[in-house]
């Protein structure tokens, strides 16, 4: 990723952040930080240094492109999408009902603060689309949240400069332990989710069965 960023600069930043914001977490946070480090001019890459302001602009632009795509998938796909692929991603219509209700009451804080949480931020747009959040509100709070997050990470990378690789290496050791904990937590959550989805679908089938079993009257 670092070679891609060093070679393609702003284009690479936009591409990586867009893909991540669309719902495919591929390490956009590292790209933002490394983009800031490239702007410091202290890394030897064989390419001209980037500009910190334009790094932040590229990050936000990529975030918004991916956000609109993720929102569109959730909004336009909606319940028919859940009918087709819900069983593969463990979604039910009750999940949509909960999402719509949640975004009606707390849509703005979810989008705003969700943009500040790594990993979770990749799925905010899709959830907002499913919840049919108003596009104007979604856009406004996405820009604010993404702007704060992008500026913070790019500035951290800029301040690290030549120390970027050393700091990343130090964090990677702790990252191994964190990764194991995350995998265990995800496995437990996945198992719990399977049980919930099975129970909800069984209830839906049971609710429909009496009506389908009623035969024609004489």
N, C-alpha and C. Protein backbone atom coordinates (compact mmCIF):
# COMPACT_ATOMS: atom_id res chain seq x y z
N UNK A 1 0.82 -1.21 0.00
CA UNK A 1 0.00 0.00 0.00
C UNK A 1 0.86 1.26 0.00
N UNK A 2 1.96 1.23 0.74
CA UNK A 2 2.82 2.41 0.82
C UNK A 2 3.41 2.75 -0.54
N UNK A 3 3.81 1.71 -1.30
CA UNK A 3 4.35 1.96 -2.65
C UNK A 3 3.27 2.58 -3.54
N UNK A 4 2.06 2.08 -3.46
CA UNK A 4 0.94 2.61 -4.23
C UNK A 4 0.70 4.07 -3.88
N UNK A 5 0.72 4.38 -2.60
CA UNK A 5 0.50 5.76 -2.15
C UNK A 5 1.63 6.68 -2.58
N UNK A 6 2.87 6.19 -2.45
CA UNK A 6 4.01 7.01 -2.82
C UNK A 6 4.03 7.28 -4.32
N UNK A 7 3.58 6.30 -5.12
CA UNK A 7 3.63 6.43 -6.58
C UNK A 7 2.47 7.24 -7.14
N UNK A 8 1.29 7.06 -6.58
CA UNK A 8 0.09 7.67 -7.13
C UNK A 8 -0.47 8.81 -6.30
N UNK A 9 0.07 9.04 -5.12
CA UNK A 9 -0.27 10.21 -4.32
C UNK A 9 -1.74 10.39 -4.04
N UNK A 10 -2.27 11.53 -4.45
CA UNK A 10 -3.65 11.88 -4.12
C UNK A 10 -4.66 10.91 -4.73
N UNK A 11 -4.36 10.43 -5.94
CA UNK A 11 -5.27 9.47 -6.59
C UNK A 11 -5.39 8.20 -5.76
N UNK A 12 -4.26 7.73 -5.25
CA UNK A 12 -4.27 6.53 -4.41
C UNK A 12 -5.05 6.76 -3.13
N UNK A 13 -4.88 7.92 -2.53
CA UNK A 13 -5.60 8.25 -1.29
C UNK A 13 -7.10 8.25 -1.54
N UNK A 14 -7.53 8.88 -2.63
CA UNK A 14 -8.96 8.91 -2.96
C UNK A 14 -9.49 7.51 -3.18
N UNK A 15 -8.74 6.69 -3.93
CA UNK A 15 -9.20 5.33 -4.24
C UNK A 15 -9.35 4.48 -2.98
N UNK A 16 -8.34 4.52 -2.12
CA UNK A 16 -8.36 3.68 -0.91
C UNK A 16 -9.46 4.12 0.05
N UNK A 17 -9.59 5.42 0.26
CA UNK A 17 -10.61 5.90 1.19
C UNK A 17 -12.01 5.67 0.64
N UNK A 18 -12.18 5.76 -0.68
CA UNK A 18 -13.49 5.53 -1.29
C UNK A 18 -13.92 4.08 -1.11
N UNK A 19 -13.01 3.16 -1.37
CA UNK A 19 -13.34 1.73 -1.23
C UNK A 19 -13.68 1.41 0.22
N UNK A 20 -12.91 1.96 1.14
CA UNK A 20 -13.16 1.70 2.55
C UNK A 20 -14.51 2.26 3.00
N UNK A 21 -14.82 3.49 2.58
CA UNK A 21 -16.08 4.11 2.99
C UNK A 21 -17.29 3.43 2.35
N UNK A 22 -17.07 2.71 1.28
CA UNK A 22 -18.17 2.03 0.61
C UNK A 22 -18.60 0.78 1.36
N UNK A 23 -17.76 0.35 2.33
CA UNK A 23 -18.12 -0.82 3.14
C UNK A 23 -17.12 -1.94 3.07
N UNK A 24 -15.94 -1.68 2.48
CA UNK A 24 -14.89 -2.70 2.39
C UNK A 24 -13.66 -2.17 3.12
N UNK A 25 -13.52 -2.48 4.40
CA UNK A 25 -12.40 -1.93 5.18
C UNK A 25 -11.05 -2.46 4.71
N UNK A 26 -10.24 -1.59 4.09
CA UNK A 26 -8.94 -2.03 3.56
C UNK A 26 -7.80 -1.21 4.13
N UNK A 27 -8.00 -0.59 5.28
CA UNK A 27 -6.92 0.14 5.91
C UNK A 27 -6.80 1.58 5.48
N UNK A 28 -7.93 2.25 5.31
CA UNK A 28 -7.89 3.65 4.90
C UNK A 28 -7.23 4.51 5.97
N UNK A 29 -7.35 4.11 7.24
CA UNK A 29 -6.74 4.89 8.31
C UNK A 29 -5.22 4.98 8.13
N UNK A 30 -4.60 3.84 7.77
CA UNK A 30 -3.16 3.84 7.53
C UNK A 30 -2.81 4.69 6.32
N UNK A 31 -3.66 4.67 5.30
CA UNK A 31 -3.42 5.48 4.11
C UNK A 31 -3.47 6.97 4.43
N UNK A 32 -4.41 7.36 5.29
CA UNK A 32 -4.49 8.77 5.69
C UNK A 32 -3.24 9.20 6.44
N UNK A 33 -2.81 8.36 7.38
CA UNK A 33 -1.63 8.68 8.16
C UNK A 33 -0.37 8.73 7.31
N UNK A 34 -0.25 7.75 6.41
CA UNK A 34 0.94 7.71 5.55
C UNK A 34 0.93 8.88 4.56
N UNK A 35 -0.26 9.26 4.12
CA UNK A 35 -0.36 10.43 3.25
C UNK A 35 0.17 11.67 3.95
N UNK A 36 -0.15 11.81 5.24
CA UNK A 36 0.38 12.93 6.00
C UNK A 36 1.89 12.85 6.15
N UNK A 37 2.41 11.63 6.36
CA UNK A 37 3.86 11.45 6.47
C UNK A 37 4.55 11.82 5.16
N UNK A 38 3.93 11.47 4.03
CA UNK A 38 4.50 11.84 2.73
C UNK A 38 4.52 13.35 2.54
N UNK A 39 3.55 14.04 3.15
CA UNK A 39 3.51 15.51 3.03
C UNK A 39 4.60 16.19 3.85
N UNK A 40 5.15 15.47 4.82
CA UNK A 40 6.20 16.08 5.65
C UNK A 40 7.50 16.26 4.88
N UNK A 41 7.67 15.50 3.81
CA UNK A 41 8.90 15.59 3.02
C UNK A 41 10.09 14.91 3.66
N UNK A 42 9.85 14.14 4.74
CA UNK A 42 10.95 13.50 5.46
C UNK A 42 11.14 12.03 5.08
N UNK A 43 10.28 11.52 4.22
CA UNK A 43 10.40 10.12 3.78
C UNK A 43 11.06 10.07 2.41
N UNK A 44 11.98 9.15 2.25
CA UNK A 44 12.68 9.00 0.98
C UNK A 44 11.90 8.01 0.11
N UNK A 45 11.17 8.54 -0.86
CA UNK A 45 10.34 7.70 -1.73
C UNK A 45 10.69 7.83 -3.20
N UNK A 46 11.50 8.81 -3.55
CA UNK A 46 11.82 9.04 -4.95
C UNK A 46 10.76 9.87 -5.66
N UNK A 47 9.78 10.36 -4.91
CA UNK A 47 8.71 11.18 -5.49
C UNK A 47 8.63 12.50 -4.72
N UNK A 48 8.04 13.51 -5.36
CA UNK A 48 7.90 14.81 -4.71
C UNK A 48 6.94 14.70 -3.51
N UNK A 49 7.23 15.45 -2.44
CA UNK A 49 6.34 15.41 -1.27
C UNK A 49 4.94 15.89 -1.62
N UNK A 50 3.98 15.37 -0.90
CA UNK A 50 2.60 15.82 -1.07
C UNK A 50 2.36 17.08 -0.24
N UNK A 51 1.21 17.66 -0.39
CA UNK A 51 0.82 18.83 0.38
C UNK A 51 -0.22 18.39 1.41
N UNK A 52 -0.01 18.75 2.67
CA UNK A 52 -0.89 18.27 3.74
C UNK A 52 -2.35 18.66 3.51
N UNK A 53 -2.57 19.90 3.09
CA UNK A 53 -3.95 20.35 2.87
C UNK A 53 -4.62 19.51 1.80
N UNK A 54 -3.88 19.25 0.70
CA UNK A 54 -4.46 18.47 -0.39
C UNK A 54 -4.60 17.00 -0.01
N UNK A 55 -3.77 16.52 0.89
CA UNK A 55 -3.94 15.16 1.40
C UNK A 55 -5.28 15.05 2.14
N UNK A 56 -5.56 16.04 2.99
CA UNK A 56 -6.82 16.03 3.72
C UNK A 56 -8.01 16.15 2.77
N UNK A 57 -7.89 17.03 1.77
CA UNK A 57 -8.96 17.20 0.79
C UNK A 57 -9.20 15.89 0.03
N UNK A 58 -8.10 15.22 -0.37
CA UNK A 58 -8.23 13.95 -1.09
C UNK A 58 -8.89 12.89 -0.21
N UNK A 59 -8.53 12.88 1.06
CA UNK A 59 -9.14 11.92 2.00
C UNK A 59 -10.65 12.14 2.10
N UNK A 60 -11.04 13.39 2.30
CA UNK A 60 -12.46 13.70 2.45
C UNK A 60 -13.21 13.41 1.15
N UNK A 61 -12.58 13.74 0.01
CA UNK A 61 -13.23 13.47 -1.28
C UNK A 61 -13.46 11.98 -1.47
N UNK A 62 -12.44 11.18 -1.17
CA UNK A 62 -12.58 9.73 -1.28
C UNK A 62 -13.64 9.20 -0.33
N UNK A 63 -13.64 9.75 0.88
CA UNK A 63 -14.64 9.33 1.87
C UNK A 63 -16.06 9.60 1.37
N UNK A 64 -16.28 10.75 0.80
CA UNK A 64 -17.62 11.11 0.35
C UNK A 64 -18.03 10.30 -0.88
N UNK A 65 -17.11 10.04 -1.78
CA UNK A 65 -17.43 9.21 -2.96
C UNK A 65 -17.88 7.83 -2.50
N UNK A 66 -17.09 7.22 -1.63
CA UNK A 66 -17.44 5.90 -1.12
C UNK A 66 -18.70 5.92 -0.28
N UNK A 67 -18.89 7.00 0.47
CA UNK A 67 -20.07 7.11 1.32
C UNK A 67 -21.35 7.15 0.50
N UNK A 68 -21.33 7.92 -0.58
CA UNK A 68 -22.52 8.00 -1.43
C UNK A 68 -22.80 6.65 -2.11
N UNK A 69 -21.76 5.96 -2.51
CA UNK A 69 -21.96 4.64 -3.13
C UNK A 69 -22.53 3.65 -2.12
N UNK A 70 -21.96 3.65 -0.90
CA UNK A 70 -22.47 2.76 0.14
C UNK A 70 -23.90 3.10 0.52
N UNK A 71 -24.20 4.41 0.61
CA UNK A 71 -25.55 4.86 0.92
C UNK A 71 -26.52 4.41 -0.17
N UNK A 72 -26.12 4.55 -1.42
CA UNK A 72 -26.99 4.17 -2.55
C UNK A 72 -27.29 2.68 -2.54
N UNK A 73 -26.28 1.88 -2.23
CA UNK A 73 -26.48 0.42 -2.19
C UNK A 73 -27.51 0.08 -1.11
N UNK A 74 -27.37 0.68 0.05
CA UNK A 74 -28.32 0.41 1.13
C UNK A 74 -29.70 0.96 0.85
N UNK A 75 -29.76 2.18 0.31
CA UNK A 75 -31.05 2.84 0.08
C UNK A 75 -31.82 2.20 -1.07
N UNK A 76 -31.14 1.96 -2.20
CA UNK A 76 -31.82 1.41 -3.36
C UNK A 76 -32.05 -0.09 -3.24
N UNK A 77 -31.11 -0.76 -2.56
CA UNK A 77 -31.27 -2.21 -2.38
C UNK A 77 -32.35 -2.53 -1.36
N UNK A 78 -32.26 -1.91 -0.18
CA UNK A 78 -33.27 -2.05 0.86
C UNK A 78 -33.69 -3.47 1.14
N UNK A 79 -34.97 -3.66 1.30
CA UNK A 79 -35.53 -4.96 1.66
C UNK A 79 -35.35 -6.01 0.56
N UNK A 80 -35.51 -5.66 -0.74
CA UNK A 80 -35.24 -6.67 -1.77
C UNK A 80 -33.81 -7.20 -1.72
N UNK A 81 -32.88 -6.31 -1.37
CA UNK A 81 -31.49 -6.74 -1.25
C UNK A 81 -31.33 -7.73 -0.11
N UNK A 82 -32.00 -7.46 1.01
CA UNK A 82 -31.96 -8.38 2.14
C UNK A 82 -32.58 -9.72 1.77
N UNK A 83 -33.65 -9.70 0.98
CA UNK A 83 -34.28 -10.94 0.55
C UNK A 83 -33.31 -11.80 -0.27
N UNK A 84 -32.48 -11.13 -1.08
CA UNK A 84 -31.57 -11.88 -1.97
C UNK A 84 -30.31 -12.34 -1.26
N UNK A 85 -29.72 -11.45 -0.48
CA UNK A 85 -28.40 -11.79 0.08
C UNK A 85 -28.39 -11.79 1.60
N UNK A 86 -29.55 -11.56 2.21
CA UNK A 86 -29.59 -11.47 3.67
C UNK A 86 -29.05 -12.69 4.38
N UNK A 87 -29.35 -13.87 3.84
CA UNK A 87 -28.90 -15.09 4.50
C UNK A 87 -27.39 -15.24 4.49
N UNK A 88 -26.74 -14.57 3.53
CA UNK A 88 -25.28 -14.66 3.45
C UNK A 88 -24.58 -13.66 4.36
N UNK A 89 -25.26 -12.55 4.67
CA UNK A 89 -24.65 -11.53 5.53
C UNK A 89 -25.39 -11.39 6.85
N UNK A 90 -26.26 -12.35 7.16
CA UNK A 90 -26.94 -12.44 8.45
C UNK A 90 -27.79 -11.21 8.75
N UNK A 91 -28.61 -10.81 7.75
CA UNK A 91 -29.53 -9.71 7.93
C UNK A 91 -30.97 -10.20 7.76
N UNK A 92 -31.88 -9.64 8.53
CA UNK A 92 -33.30 -9.95 8.42
C UNK A 92 -34.09 -8.65 8.29
N UNK A 93 -35.39 -8.78 8.00
CA UNK A 93 -36.22 -7.59 7.88
C UNK A 93 -36.37 -6.88 9.22
N UNK A 94 -36.28 -7.62 10.30
CA UNK A 94 -36.32 -6.98 11.62
C UNK A 94 -35.11 -6.07 11.81
N UNK A 95 -33.97 -6.46 11.23
CA UNK A 95 -32.79 -5.61 11.29
C UNK A 95 -33.05 -4.28 10.58
N UNK A 96 -33.76 -4.35 9.44
CA UNK A 96 -34.09 -3.13 8.72
C UNK A 96 -35.04 -2.25 9.53
N UNK A 97 -36.00 -2.90 10.17
CA UNK A 97 -36.93 -2.13 11.01
C UNK A 97 -36.18 -1.42 12.12
N UNK A 98 -35.24 -2.13 12.74
CA UNK A 98 -34.45 -1.52 13.81
C UNK A 98 -33.57 -0.40 13.28
N UNK A 99 -32.98 -0.62 12.10
CA UNK A 99 -32.11 0.41 11.51
C UNK A 99 -32.90 1.68 11.19
N UNK A 100 -34.09 1.50 10.59
CA UNK A 100 -34.91 2.66 10.25
C UNK A 100 -35.32 3.42 11.52
N UNK A 101 -35.73 2.67 12.53
CA UNK A 101 -36.15 3.31 13.79
C UNK A 101 -34.97 4.03 14.44
N UNK A 102 -33.80 3.42 14.41
CA UNK A 102 -32.61 4.00 15.03
C UNK A 102 -32.22 5.30 14.33
N UNK A 103 -32.21 5.28 12.98
CA UNK A 103 -31.80 6.47 12.26
C UNK A 103 -32.85 7.58 12.31
N UNK A 104 -34.11 7.21 12.52
CA UNK A 104 -35.13 8.24 12.71
C UNK A 104 -34.87 9.03 13.99
N UNK A 105 -34.40 8.34 15.02
CA UNK A 105 -34.20 8.99 16.32
C UNK A 105 -32.79 9.51 16.51
N UNK A 106 -31.79 8.78 16.02
CA UNK A 106 -30.40 9.13 16.33
C UNK A 106 -29.51 9.14 15.08
N UNK A 107 -30.08 9.40 13.93
CA UNK A 107 -29.32 9.32 12.69
C UNK A 107 -28.09 10.21 12.66
N UNK A 108 -28.27 11.48 13.07
CA UNK A 108 -27.16 12.43 13.00
C UNK A 108 -25.97 12.02 13.86
N UNK A 109 -26.18 11.71 15.16
CA UNK A 109 -25.02 11.29 15.98
C UNK A 109 -24.36 10.01 15.48
N UNK A 110 -25.16 9.06 14.96
CA UNK A 110 -24.59 7.80 14.47
C UNK A 110 -23.65 8.07 13.31
N UNK A 111 -24.09 8.88 12.35
CA UNK A 111 -23.26 9.18 11.19
C UNK A 111 -22.05 10.02 11.59
N UNK A 112 -22.27 11.02 12.43
CA UNK A 112 -21.18 11.91 12.82
C UNK A 112 -20.11 11.18 13.61
N UNK A 113 -20.49 10.54 14.70
CA UNK A 113 -19.51 9.89 15.56
C UNK A 113 -19.07 8.53 15.02
N UNK A 114 -19.92 7.91 14.19
CA UNK A 114 -19.51 6.66 13.57
C UNK A 114 -18.33 6.84 12.64
N UNK A 115 -18.21 8.04 12.07
CA UNK A 115 -17.07 8.35 11.20
C UNK A 115 -15.76 8.43 11.96
N UNK A 116 -15.84 8.51 13.26
CA UNK A 116 -14.63 8.66 14.07
C UNK A 116 -14.16 7.34 14.67
N UNK A 117 -14.87 6.25 14.37
CA UNK A 117 -14.54 4.94 14.95
C UNK A 117 -14.00 4.03 13.85
N UNK A 118 -12.72 3.64 13.93
CA UNK A 118 -12.16 2.74 12.92
C UNK A 118 -12.98 1.46 12.78
N UNK A 119 -13.04 0.94 11.59
CA UNK A 119 -13.78 -0.25 11.19
C UNK A 119 -15.28 0.03 11.12
N UNK A 120 -15.86 0.51 12.23
CA UNK A 120 -17.29 0.83 12.22
C UNK A 120 -17.60 1.86 11.15
N UNK A 121 -16.68 2.80 10.94
CA UNK A 121 -16.92 3.89 10.00
C UNK A 121 -17.11 3.39 8.57
N UNK A 122 -16.62 2.19 8.27
CA UNK A 122 -16.76 1.64 6.91
C UNK A 122 -18.20 1.24 6.61
N UNK A 123 -19.01 1.02 7.65
CA UNK A 123 -20.36 0.50 7.44
C UNK A 123 -21.46 1.52 7.73
N UNK A 124 -21.06 2.72 8.12
CA UNK A 124 -22.04 3.75 8.47
C UNK A 124 -22.90 4.12 7.26
N UNK A 125 -22.29 4.26 6.09
CA UNK A 125 -23.04 4.69 4.91
C UNK A 125 -24.08 3.67 4.50
N UNK A 126 -23.71 2.41 4.47
CA UNK A 126 -24.65 1.36 4.11
C UNK A 126 -25.82 1.32 5.09
N UNK A 127 -25.52 1.43 6.38
CA UNK A 127 -26.57 1.42 7.40
C UNK A 127 -27.48 2.63 7.26
N UNK A 128 -26.91 3.80 6.95
CA UNK A 128 -27.72 5.01 6.77
C UNK A 128 -28.65 4.86 5.58
N UNK A 129 -28.16 4.21 4.52
CA UNK A 129 -29.00 3.98 3.35
C UNK A 129 -30.14 3.03 3.67
N UNK A 130 -29.83 1.96 4.38
CA UNK A 130 -30.87 1.01 4.78
C UNK A 130 -31.91 1.69 5.67
N UNK A 131 -31.43 2.57 6.55
CA UNK A 131 -32.32 3.29 7.44
C UNK A 131 -33.04 4.45 6.77
N UNK A 132 -32.75 4.68 5.46
CA UNK A 132 -33.39 5.74 4.68
C UNK A 132 -33.24 7.11 5.33
N UNK A 133 -32.03 7.37 5.83
CA UNK A 133 -31.74 8.69 6.38
C UNK A 133 -31.77 9.72 5.27
N UNK A 134 -32.26 10.93 5.56
CA UNK A 134 -32.32 11.99 4.54
C UNK A 134 -30.92 12.29 4.02
N UNK A 135 -30.81 12.41 2.68
CA UNK A 135 -29.51 12.58 2.04
C UNK A 135 -28.81 13.86 2.47
N UNK A 136 -29.58 14.93 2.67
CA UNK A 136 -28.98 16.21 3.07
C UNK A 136 -28.30 16.07 4.43
N UNK A 137 -29.00 15.47 5.39
CA UNK A 137 -28.42 15.28 6.71
C UNK A 137 -27.22 14.32 6.63
N UNK A 138 -27.38 13.25 5.87
CA UNK A 138 -26.30 12.29 5.72
C UNK A 138 -25.05 12.97 5.18
N UNK A 139 -25.22 13.79 4.16
CA UNK A 139 -24.08 14.48 3.53
C UNK A 139 -23.40 15.42 4.51
N UNK A 140 -24.21 16.23 5.21
CA UNK A 140 -23.65 17.23 6.12
C UNK A 140 -22.84 16.59 7.23
N UNK A 141 -23.40 15.59 7.89
CA UNK A 141 -22.70 14.98 9.02
C UNK A 141 -21.55 14.08 8.56
N UNK A 142 -21.65 13.53 7.35
CA UNK A 142 -20.54 12.74 6.81
C UNK A 142 -19.34 13.63 6.52
N UNK A 143 -19.59 14.80 5.95
CA UNK A 143 -18.50 15.74 5.65
C UNK A 143 -17.81 16.18 6.94
N UNK A 144 -18.61 16.51 7.95
CA UNK A 144 -18.04 16.97 9.23
C UNK A 144 -17.21 15.86 9.88
N UNK A 145 -17.82 14.68 10.02
CA UNK A 145 -17.12 13.57 10.66
C UNK A 145 -15.88 13.15 9.90
N UNK A 146 -15.99 13.04 8.57
CA UNK A 146 -14.85 12.64 7.75
C UNK A 146 -13.76 13.70 7.79
N UNK A 147 -14.17 14.96 7.79
CA UNK A 147 -13.17 16.04 7.82
C UNK A 147 -12.34 16.00 9.09
N UNK A 148 -13.01 15.81 10.22
CA UNK A 148 -12.29 15.73 11.50
C UNK A 148 -11.36 14.53 11.53
N UNK A 149 -11.86 13.38 11.11
CA UNK A 149 -11.07 12.16 11.16
C UNK A 149 -9.87 12.23 10.21
N UNK A 150 -10.12 12.67 8.98
CA UNK A 150 -9.04 12.76 7.99
C UNK A 150 -7.97 13.75 8.43
N UNK A 151 -8.40 14.91 8.91
CA UNK A 151 -7.44 15.93 9.35
C UNK A 151 -6.60 15.44 10.51
N UNK A 152 -7.23 14.72 11.44
CA UNK A 152 -6.50 14.22 12.61
C UNK A 152 -5.44 13.20 12.21
N UNK A 153 -5.82 12.21 11.42
CA UNK A 153 -4.86 11.17 11.05
C UNK A 153 -3.76 11.69 10.14
N UNK A 154 -4.13 12.52 9.18
CA UNK A 154 -3.12 13.09 8.28
C UNK A 154 -2.13 13.97 9.06
N UNK A 155 -2.64 14.71 10.02
CA UNK A 155 -1.77 15.58 10.83
C UNK A 155 -0.84 14.76 11.72
N UNK A 156 -1.35 13.64 12.24
CA UNK A 156 -0.50 12.75 13.04
C UNK A 156 0.63 12.20 12.18
N UNK A 157 0.29 11.75 10.97
CA UNK A 157 1.31 11.25 10.06
C UNK A 157 2.33 12.32 9.71
N UNK A 158 1.85 13.55 9.50
CA UNK A 158 2.73 14.66 9.17
C UNK A 158 3.70 14.95 10.32
N UNK A 159 3.20 14.89 11.56
CA UNK A 159 4.05 15.17 12.72
C UNK A 159 5.08 14.06 12.94
N UNK A 160 4.73 12.83 12.57
CA UNK A 160 5.68 11.72 12.73
C UNK A 160 6.78 11.80 11.70
N UNK A 161 6.43 12.15 10.48
CA UNK A 161 7.43 12.30 9.44
C UNK A 161 8.31 11.08 9.26
N UNK A 162 9.61 11.25 9.44
CA UNK A 162 10.57 10.15 9.24
C UNK A 162 10.41 9.05 10.28
N UNK A 163 9.71 9.32 11.37
CA UNK A 163 9.51 8.31 12.42
C UNK A 163 8.32 7.39 12.12
N UNK A 164 7.67 7.63 10.99
CA UNK A 164 6.46 6.88 10.65
C UNK A 164 6.66 5.37 10.72
N UNK A 165 7.68 4.85 10.03
CA UNK A 165 7.89 3.41 9.96
C UNK A 165 8.24 2.82 11.32
N UNK A 166 9.01 3.54 12.11
CA UNK A 166 9.38 3.04 13.43
C UNK A 166 8.16 2.94 14.34
N UNK A 167 7.33 3.98 14.32
CA UNK A 167 6.13 3.98 15.16
C UNK A 167 5.16 2.89 14.71
N UNK A 168 4.99 2.75 13.40
CA UNK A 168 4.09 1.71 12.88
C UNK A 168 4.58 0.32 13.27
N UNK A 169 5.91 0.14 13.25
CA UNK A 169 6.47 -1.16 13.63
C UNK A 169 6.21 -1.44 15.10
N UNK A 170 6.38 -0.43 15.95
CA UNK A 170 6.12 -0.62 17.38
C UNK A 170 4.66 -0.96 17.64
N UNK A 171 3.77 -0.30 16.92
CA UNK A 171 2.35 -0.57 17.09
C UNK A 171 1.96 -1.93 16.56
N UNK A 172 2.72 -2.44 15.59
CA UNK A 172 2.35 -3.73 14.97
C UNK A 172 2.45 -4.87 15.97
N UNK A 173 3.41 -4.79 16.92
CA UNK A 173 3.53 -5.86 17.92
C UNK A 173 2.29 -5.92 18.80
N UNK A 174 1.87 -4.76 19.26
CA UNK A 174 0.64 -4.72 20.06
C UNK A 174 -0.56 -5.08 19.20
N UNK A 175 -0.43 -4.80 17.91
CA UNK A 175 -1.52 -5.12 16.99
C UNK A 175 -1.78 -6.60 16.88
N UNK A 176 -0.73 -7.42 17.01
CA UNK A 176 -0.93 -8.88 16.93
C UNK A 176 -1.84 -9.36 18.06
N UNK A 177 -1.58 -8.85 19.27
CA UNK A 177 -2.41 -9.24 20.41
C UNK A 177 -3.83 -8.73 20.22
N UNK A 178 -3.96 -7.49 19.76
CA UNK A 178 -5.28 -6.92 19.53
C UNK A 178 -6.03 -7.70 18.46
N UNK A 179 -5.30 -8.14 17.44
CA UNK A 179 -5.93 -8.89 16.35
C UNK A 179 -6.52 -10.20 16.85
N UNK A 180 -5.78 -10.89 17.73
CA UNK A 180 -6.29 -12.15 18.28
C UNK A 180 -7.56 -11.90 19.08
N UNK A 181 -7.55 -10.84 19.89
CA UNK A 181 -8.73 -10.51 20.69
C UNK A 181 -9.92 -10.14 19.80
N UNK A 182 -9.64 -9.42 18.73
CA UNK A 182 -10.70 -9.03 17.81
C UNK A 182 -11.30 -10.25 17.12
N UNK A 183 -10.43 -11.17 16.70
CA UNK A 183 -10.91 -12.39 16.04
C UNK A 183 -11.82 -13.19 16.97
N UNK A 184 -11.42 -13.33 18.23
CA UNK A 184 -12.24 -14.05 19.20
C UNK A 184 -13.58 -13.34 19.42
N UNK A 185 -13.52 -12.03 19.54
CA UNK A 185 -14.76 -11.27 19.75
C UNK A 185 -15.68 -11.38 18.55
N UNK A 186 -15.11 -11.29 17.34
CA UNK A 186 -15.92 -11.41 16.13
C UNK A 186 -16.53 -12.79 16.01
N UNK A 187 -15.76 -13.83 16.36
CA UNK A 187 -16.28 -15.20 16.31
C UNK A 187 -17.46 -15.37 17.25
N UNK A 188 -17.34 -14.83 18.47
CA UNK A 188 -18.44 -14.92 19.43
C UNK A 188 -19.66 -14.15 18.95
N UNK A 189 -19.42 -12.95 18.40
CA UNK A 189 -20.52 -12.14 17.88
C UNK A 189 -21.18 -12.82 16.69
N UNK A 190 -20.38 -13.45 15.84
CA UNK A 190 -20.89 -14.15 14.66
C UNK A 190 -21.79 -15.30 15.07
N UNK A 191 -21.36 -16.07 16.05
CA UNK A 191 -22.16 -17.20 16.52
C UNK A 191 -23.48 -16.72 17.12
N UNK A 192 -23.39 -15.66 17.92
CA UNK A 192 -24.60 -15.09 18.52
C UNK A 192 -25.54 -14.57 17.44
N UNK A 193 -24.95 -13.95 16.41
CA UNK A 193 -25.76 -13.41 15.32
C UNK A 193 -26.49 -14.52 14.55
N UNK A 194 -25.82 -15.62 14.33
CA UNK A 194 -26.43 -16.75 13.65
C UNK A 194 -27.66 -17.24 14.41
N UNK A 195 -27.51 -17.34 15.73
CA UNK A 195 -28.63 -17.80 16.56
C UNK A 195 -29.80 -16.82 16.50
N UNK A 196 -29.50 -15.52 16.53
CA UNK A 196 -30.56 -14.51 16.48
C UNK A 196 -31.30 -14.56 15.15
N UNK A 197 -30.53 -14.64 14.05
CA UNK A 197 -31.14 -14.67 12.72
C UNK A 197 -31.99 -15.91 12.54
N UNK A 198 -31.50 -17.06 12.97
CA UNK A 198 -32.28 -18.29 12.87
C UNK A 198 -33.58 -18.19 13.65
N UNK A 199 -33.51 -17.63 14.86
CA UNK A 199 -34.71 -17.50 15.68
C UNK A 199 -35.73 -16.56 15.03
N UNK A 200 -35.25 -15.44 14.45
CA UNK A 200 -36.17 -14.49 13.81
C UNK A 200 -36.81 -15.09 12.57
N UNK A 201 -36.05 -15.84 11.80
CA UNK A 201 -36.60 -16.44 10.60
C UNK A 201 -37.58 -17.57 10.94
N UNK A 202 -37.28 -18.30 11.99
CA UNK A 202 -38.21 -19.35 12.42
C UNK A 202 -39.53 -18.73 12.88
N UNK A 203 -39.47 -17.60 13.56
CA UNK A 203 -40.68 -16.92 14.01
C UNK A 203 -41.49 -16.41 12.82
N UNK A 204 -40.78 -15.90 11.79
CA UNK A 204 -41.47 -15.40 10.60
C UNK A 204 -42.18 -16.52 9.86
N UNK A 205 -41.51 -17.68 9.74
CA UNK A 205 -42.12 -18.84 9.07
C UNK A 205 -43.33 -19.32 9.85
N UNK A 206 -43.21 -19.37 11.18
CA UNK A 206 -44.32 -19.83 12.02
C UNK A 206 -45.50 -18.87 11.92
N UNK A 207 -45.24 -17.58 11.78
CA UNK A 207 -46.32 -16.60 11.68
C UNK A 207 -47.06 -16.71 10.35
N UNK A 208 -46.36 -17.11 9.30
CA UNK A 208 -46.96 -17.22 7.98
C UNK A 208 -47.65 -18.56 7.75
N UNK A 209 -47.28 -19.57 8.49
CA UNK A 209 -47.76 -20.93 8.25
C UNK A 209 -49.28 -21.07 8.36
N UNK A 210 -49.94 -20.54 9.40
CA UNK A 210 -51.40 -20.72 9.50
C UNK A 210 -52.15 -20.19 8.29
N UNK A 211 -51.73 -19.01 7.76
CA UNK A 211 -52.41 -18.44 6.61
C UNK A 211 -52.22 -19.29 5.37
N UNK A 212 -51.04 -19.84 5.19
CA UNK A 212 -50.74 -20.64 3.99
C UNK A 212 -51.40 -21.99 4.05
N UNK A 213 -51.72 -22.47 5.27
CA UNK A 213 -52.30 -23.80 5.39
C UNK A 213 -53.83 -23.80 5.33
N UNK A 214 -54.41 -22.59 5.28
CA UNK A 214 -55.86 -22.49 5.20
C UNK A 214 -56.30 -22.83 3.77
N UNK A 215 -57.11 -23.86 3.60
CA UNK A 215 -57.53 -24.29 2.28
C UNK A 215 -58.73 -23.50 1.80
N UNK A 216 -59.11 -23.67 0.51
CA UNK A 216 -60.25 -22.95 -0.04
C UNK A 216 -61.54 -23.38 0.62
N UNK A 217 -62.42 -22.44 0.86
CA UNK A 217 -63.71 -22.76 1.50
C UNK A 217 -64.69 -23.29 0.46
N UNK A 218 -65.61 -24.16 0.90
CA UNK A 218 -66.58 -24.75 -0.02
C UNK A 218 -67.68 -23.74 -0.32
